[in-house]
């Protein structure tokens, strides 16, 4: 079987188009260069504020979950009272 002639083989490198070679690994911790981005990783006050915000989010989630749970219990009890005539 012959190769398709509609797609000729190209031999060009990425550097011709301005792309640079990158490693195959991905860094999930943000940029590696020092001095770029935020300095939150070294500032203890920003770390504390971020931690407190996370605690507040967990508190709100807990309150919401409790509220929904209590609402379902109330609805269940009301239907039970109606059905059994209590």
N, C-alpha and C. Protein backbone atom coordinates (compact mmCIF):
# COMPACT_ATOMS: atom_id res chain seq x y z
N UNK A 1 0.83 -1.17 0.00
CA UNK A 1 0.00 0.00 0.00
C UNK A 1 0.88 1.24 0.00
N UNK A 2 0.52 2.22 -0.80
CA UNK A 2 1.32 3.44 -0.90
C UNK A 2 0.91 4.46 0.15
N UNK A 3 1.85 5.34 0.45
CA UNK A 3 1.53 6.44 1.35
C UNK A 3 0.65 7.45 0.63
N UNK A 4 -0.18 8.12 1.40
CA UNK A 4 -1.05 9.13 0.83
C UNK A 4 -0.21 10.31 0.35
N UNK A 5 -0.47 10.79 -0.85
CA UNK A 5 0.30 11.90 -1.39
C UNK A 5 -0.33 13.24 -1.03
N UNK A 6 -1.51 13.22 -0.42
CA UNK A 6 -2.15 14.48 -0.06
C UNK A 6 -1.51 15.10 1.18
N UNK A 7 -0.79 14.29 1.97
CA UNK A 7 -0.11 14.79 3.15
C UNK A 7 1.38 14.54 3.00
N UNK A 8 2.12 15.47 2.41
CA UNK A 8 3.56 15.25 2.27
C UNK A 8 4.24 15.27 3.62
N UNK A 9 5.35 14.60 3.71
CA UNK A 9 6.11 14.58 4.96
C UNK A 9 6.84 15.89 5.15
N UNK A 10 6.74 16.46 6.33
CA UNK A 10 7.41 17.71 6.64
C UNK A 10 8.56 17.42 7.57
N UNK A 11 9.63 18.13 7.37
CA UNK A 11 10.77 17.99 8.27
C UNK A 11 11.19 19.38 8.73
N UNK A 12 10.51 19.86 9.76
CA UNK A 12 10.87 21.15 10.32
C UNK A 12 10.92 21.00 11.83
N UNK A 13 11.69 21.84 12.44
CA UNK A 13 11.81 21.76 13.89
C UNK A 13 10.92 22.80 14.53
N UNK A 14 10.65 22.60 15.84
CA UNK A 14 9.82 23.54 16.58
C UNK A 14 10.48 24.90 16.70
N UNK A 15 11.79 24.94 16.69
CA UNK A 15 12.49 26.21 16.89
C UNK A 15 12.29 27.15 15.71
N UNK A 16 11.94 26.63 14.54
CA UNK A 16 11.69 27.49 13.40
C UNK A 16 10.45 28.36 13.62
N UNK A 17 9.51 27.87 14.40
CA UNK A 17 8.28 28.60 14.66
C UNK A 17 8.30 29.34 15.99
N UNK A 18 9.40 29.34 16.69
CA UNK A 18 9.50 30.05 17.94
C UNK A 18 9.13 29.24 19.15
N UNK A 19 8.86 27.95 18.99
CA UNK A 19 8.56 27.11 20.13
C UNK A 19 9.86 26.65 20.77
N UNK A 20 9.82 26.46 22.07
CA UNK A 20 11.02 25.97 22.74
C UNK A 20 10.74 24.58 23.28
N UNK A 21 11.78 23.83 23.43
CA UNK A 21 11.66 22.47 23.93
C UNK A 21 11.28 22.49 25.41
N UNK A 22 10.34 21.64 25.79
CA UNK A 22 9.93 21.53 27.18
C UNK A 22 10.10 20.09 27.62
N UNK A 23 10.26 19.93 28.92
CA UNK A 23 10.34 18.56 29.42
C UNK A 23 8.93 17.96 29.44
N UNK A 24 8.84 16.66 29.52
CA UNK A 24 7.56 15.97 29.52
C UNK A 24 6.87 16.04 30.87
N UNK A 25 7.60 16.39 31.93
CA UNK A 25 6.98 16.45 33.26
C UNK A 25 6.28 17.78 33.44
N UNK A 26 5.26 17.78 34.29
CA UNK A 26 4.49 18.98 34.56
C UNK A 26 4.63 19.33 36.02
N UNK A 27 4.85 20.59 36.32
CA UNK A 27 5.02 21.04 37.69
C UNK A 27 3.69 21.61 38.18
N UNK A 28 3.11 21.02 39.21
CA UNK A 28 1.83 21.47 39.74
C UNK A 28 1.99 22.58 40.78
N UNK A 29 3.19 22.97 41.10
CA UNK A 29 3.42 23.97 42.14
C UNK A 29 3.64 25.37 41.59
N UNK A 30 3.30 25.60 40.36
CA UNK A 30 3.43 26.93 39.79
C UNK A 30 4.79 27.14 39.15
N UNK A 31 5.09 28.39 38.82
CA UNK A 31 6.34 28.67 38.12
C UNK A 31 7.57 28.41 38.99
N UNK A 32 8.65 28.03 38.33
CA UNK A 32 9.88 27.71 39.04
C UNK A 32 10.77 28.93 39.25
N UNK A 33 10.58 29.97 38.45
CA UNK A 33 11.47 31.11 38.55
C UNK A 33 11.25 31.87 39.86
N UNK A 34 12.36 32.25 40.47
CA UNK A 34 12.27 33.06 41.69
C UNK A 34 11.91 34.48 41.29
N UNK A 35 11.08 35.12 42.09
CA UNK A 35 10.73 36.51 41.84
C UNK A 35 9.55 36.69 40.92
N UNK A 36 8.99 35.64 40.38
CA UNK A 36 7.82 35.78 39.53
C UNK A 36 6.59 35.29 40.28
N UNK A 37 5.46 35.88 40.00
CA UNK A 37 4.23 35.47 40.65
C UNK A 37 4.10 36.07 42.04
N UNK A 38 3.23 35.48 42.84
CA UNK A 38 2.99 35.98 44.19
C UNK A 38 4.03 35.43 45.15
N UNK A 39 4.25 36.17 46.22
CA UNK A 39 5.19 35.71 47.24
C UNK A 39 4.45 35.11 48.42
N UNK A 40 3.29 34.47 48.15
CA UNK A 40 2.48 33.90 49.22
C UNK A 40 3.17 32.71 49.87
N UNK A 41 4.06 32.06 49.15
CA UNK A 41 4.71 30.88 49.71
C UNK A 41 5.68 31.25 50.82
N UNK A 42 6.15 32.49 50.84
CA UNK A 42 7.11 32.87 51.87
C UNK A 42 6.52 33.80 52.92
N UNK A 43 5.35 34.37 52.67
CA UNK A 43 4.75 35.33 53.59
C UNK A 43 3.83 34.59 54.57
N UNK A 44 4.19 34.51 55.84
CA UNK A 44 3.36 33.77 56.81
C UNK A 44 1.99 34.40 57.03
N UNK A 45 1.87 35.71 56.88
CA UNK A 45 0.58 36.36 57.09
C UNK A 45 -0.41 35.96 56.00
N UNK A 46 0.05 35.89 54.75
CA UNK A 46 -0.83 35.46 53.68
C UNK A 46 -1.20 33.99 53.82
N UNK A 47 -0.26 33.17 54.29
CA UNK A 47 -0.57 31.76 54.55
C UNK A 47 -1.64 31.63 55.60
N UNK A 48 -1.54 32.43 56.67
CA UNK A 48 -2.52 32.38 57.75
C UNK A 48 -3.90 32.79 57.24
N UNK A 49 -3.95 33.87 56.45
CA UNK A 49 -5.24 34.33 55.92
C UNK A 49 -5.87 33.27 55.01
N UNK A 50 -5.03 32.64 54.20
CA UNK A 50 -5.54 31.60 53.31
C UNK A 50 -6.07 30.41 54.10
N UNK A 51 -5.36 30.04 55.17
CA UNK A 51 -5.79 28.93 56.01
C UNK A 51 -7.11 29.26 56.71
N UNK A 52 -7.25 30.48 57.20
CA UNK A 52 -8.48 30.89 57.88
C UNK A 52 -9.66 30.88 56.91
N UNK A 53 -9.42 31.33 55.66
CA UNK A 53 -10.49 31.29 54.66
C UNK A 53 -10.93 29.86 54.39
N UNK A 54 -9.96 28.94 54.36
CA UNK A 54 -10.31 27.53 54.15
C UNK A 54 -11.13 27.00 55.31
N UNK A 55 -10.78 27.37 56.53
CA UNK A 55 -11.56 26.95 57.69
C UNK A 55 -12.98 27.50 57.62
N UNK A 56 -13.12 28.77 57.21
CA UNK A 56 -14.44 29.38 57.12
C UNK A 56 -15.30 28.68 56.06
N UNK A 57 -14.68 28.29 54.95
CA UNK A 57 -15.42 27.57 53.92
C UNK A 57 -15.91 26.24 54.47
N UNK A 58 -15.06 25.53 55.21
CA UNK A 58 -15.47 24.25 55.79
C UNK A 58 -16.60 24.44 56.79
N UNK A 59 -16.56 25.52 57.55
CA UNK A 59 -17.62 25.80 58.52
C UNK A 59 -18.95 26.04 57.81
N UNK A 60 -18.92 26.84 56.74
CA UNK A 60 -20.14 27.13 55.99
C UNK A 60 -20.68 25.86 55.36
N UNK A 61 -19.78 25.02 54.81
CA UNK A 61 -20.24 23.76 54.22
C UNK A 61 -20.90 22.87 55.27
N UNK A 62 -20.33 22.82 56.46
CA UNK A 62 -20.90 22.02 57.53
C UNK A 62 -22.27 22.52 57.95
N UNK A 63 -22.42 23.84 58.05
CA UNK A 63 -23.72 24.41 58.42
C UNK A 63 -24.76 24.14 57.35
N UNK A 64 -24.36 24.24 56.08
CA UNK A 64 -25.29 23.98 55.00
C UNK A 64 -25.72 22.52 54.99
N UNK A 65 -24.77 21.64 55.20
CA UNK A 65 -25.09 20.21 55.22
C UNK A 65 -26.04 19.88 56.37
N UNK A 66 -25.81 20.46 57.53
CA UNK A 66 -26.69 20.25 58.68
C UNK A 66 -28.08 20.79 58.41
N UNK A 67 -28.16 21.95 57.79
CA UNK A 67 -29.45 22.54 57.48
C UNK A 67 -30.24 21.67 56.51
N UNK A 68 -29.58 21.17 55.47
CA UNK A 68 -30.27 20.31 54.51
C UNK A 68 -30.72 19.01 55.17
N UNK A 69 -29.86 18.44 56.02
CA UNK A 69 -30.20 17.20 56.72
C UNK A 69 -31.43 17.42 57.62
N UNK A 70 -31.45 18.53 58.35
CA UNK A 70 -32.59 18.81 59.23
C UNK A 70 -33.86 19.06 58.43
N UNK A 71 -33.72 19.69 57.25
CA UNK A 71 -34.90 19.93 56.41
C UNK A 71 -35.50 18.62 55.94
N UNK A 72 -34.65 17.68 55.51
CA UNK A 72 -35.17 16.38 55.08
C UNK A 72 -35.82 15.64 56.23
N UNK A 73 -35.24 15.73 57.42
CA UNK A 73 -35.86 15.08 58.59
C UNK A 73 -37.23 15.68 58.87
N UNK A 74 -37.36 17.01 58.76
CA UNK A 74 -38.63 17.68 59.03
C UNK A 74 -39.67 17.24 58.02
N UNK A 75 -39.29 17.21 56.73
CA UNK A 75 -40.22 16.80 55.68
C UNK A 75 -40.65 15.35 55.89
N UNK A 76 -39.69 14.49 56.21
CA UNK A 76 -39.99 13.08 56.45
C UNK A 76 -40.97 12.92 57.62
N UNK A 77 -40.75 13.67 58.70
CA UNK A 77 -41.64 13.59 59.86
C UNK A 77 -43.03 14.12 59.53
N UNK A 78 -43.13 15.18 58.73
CA UNK A 78 -44.43 15.74 58.37
C UNK A 78 -45.23 14.74 57.54
N UNK A 79 -44.58 14.12 56.55
CA UNK A 79 -45.29 13.12 55.74
C UNK A 79 -45.68 11.91 56.59
N UNK A 80 -44.81 11.54 57.51
CA UNK A 80 -45.11 10.41 58.38
C UNK A 80 -46.32 10.75 59.27
N UNK A 81 -46.36 11.96 59.81
CA UNK A 81 -47.50 12.39 60.64
C UNK A 81 -48.80 12.40 59.84
N UNK A 82 -48.72 12.87 58.59
CA UNK A 82 -49.92 12.92 57.75
C UNK A 82 -50.40 11.52 57.41
N UNK A 83 -49.48 10.63 57.10
CA UNK A 83 -49.85 9.29 56.67
C UNK A 83 -50.45 8.48 57.83
N UNK A 84 -49.83 8.59 59.02
CA UNK A 84 -50.28 7.76 60.15
C UNK A 84 -51.23 8.52 61.07
N UNK A 85 -51.55 9.78 60.75
CA UNK A 85 -52.54 10.54 61.49
C UNK A 85 -52.16 10.86 62.92
N UNK A 86 -50.92 11.16 63.14
CA UNK A 86 -50.48 11.47 64.50
C UNK A 86 -50.70 12.93 64.81
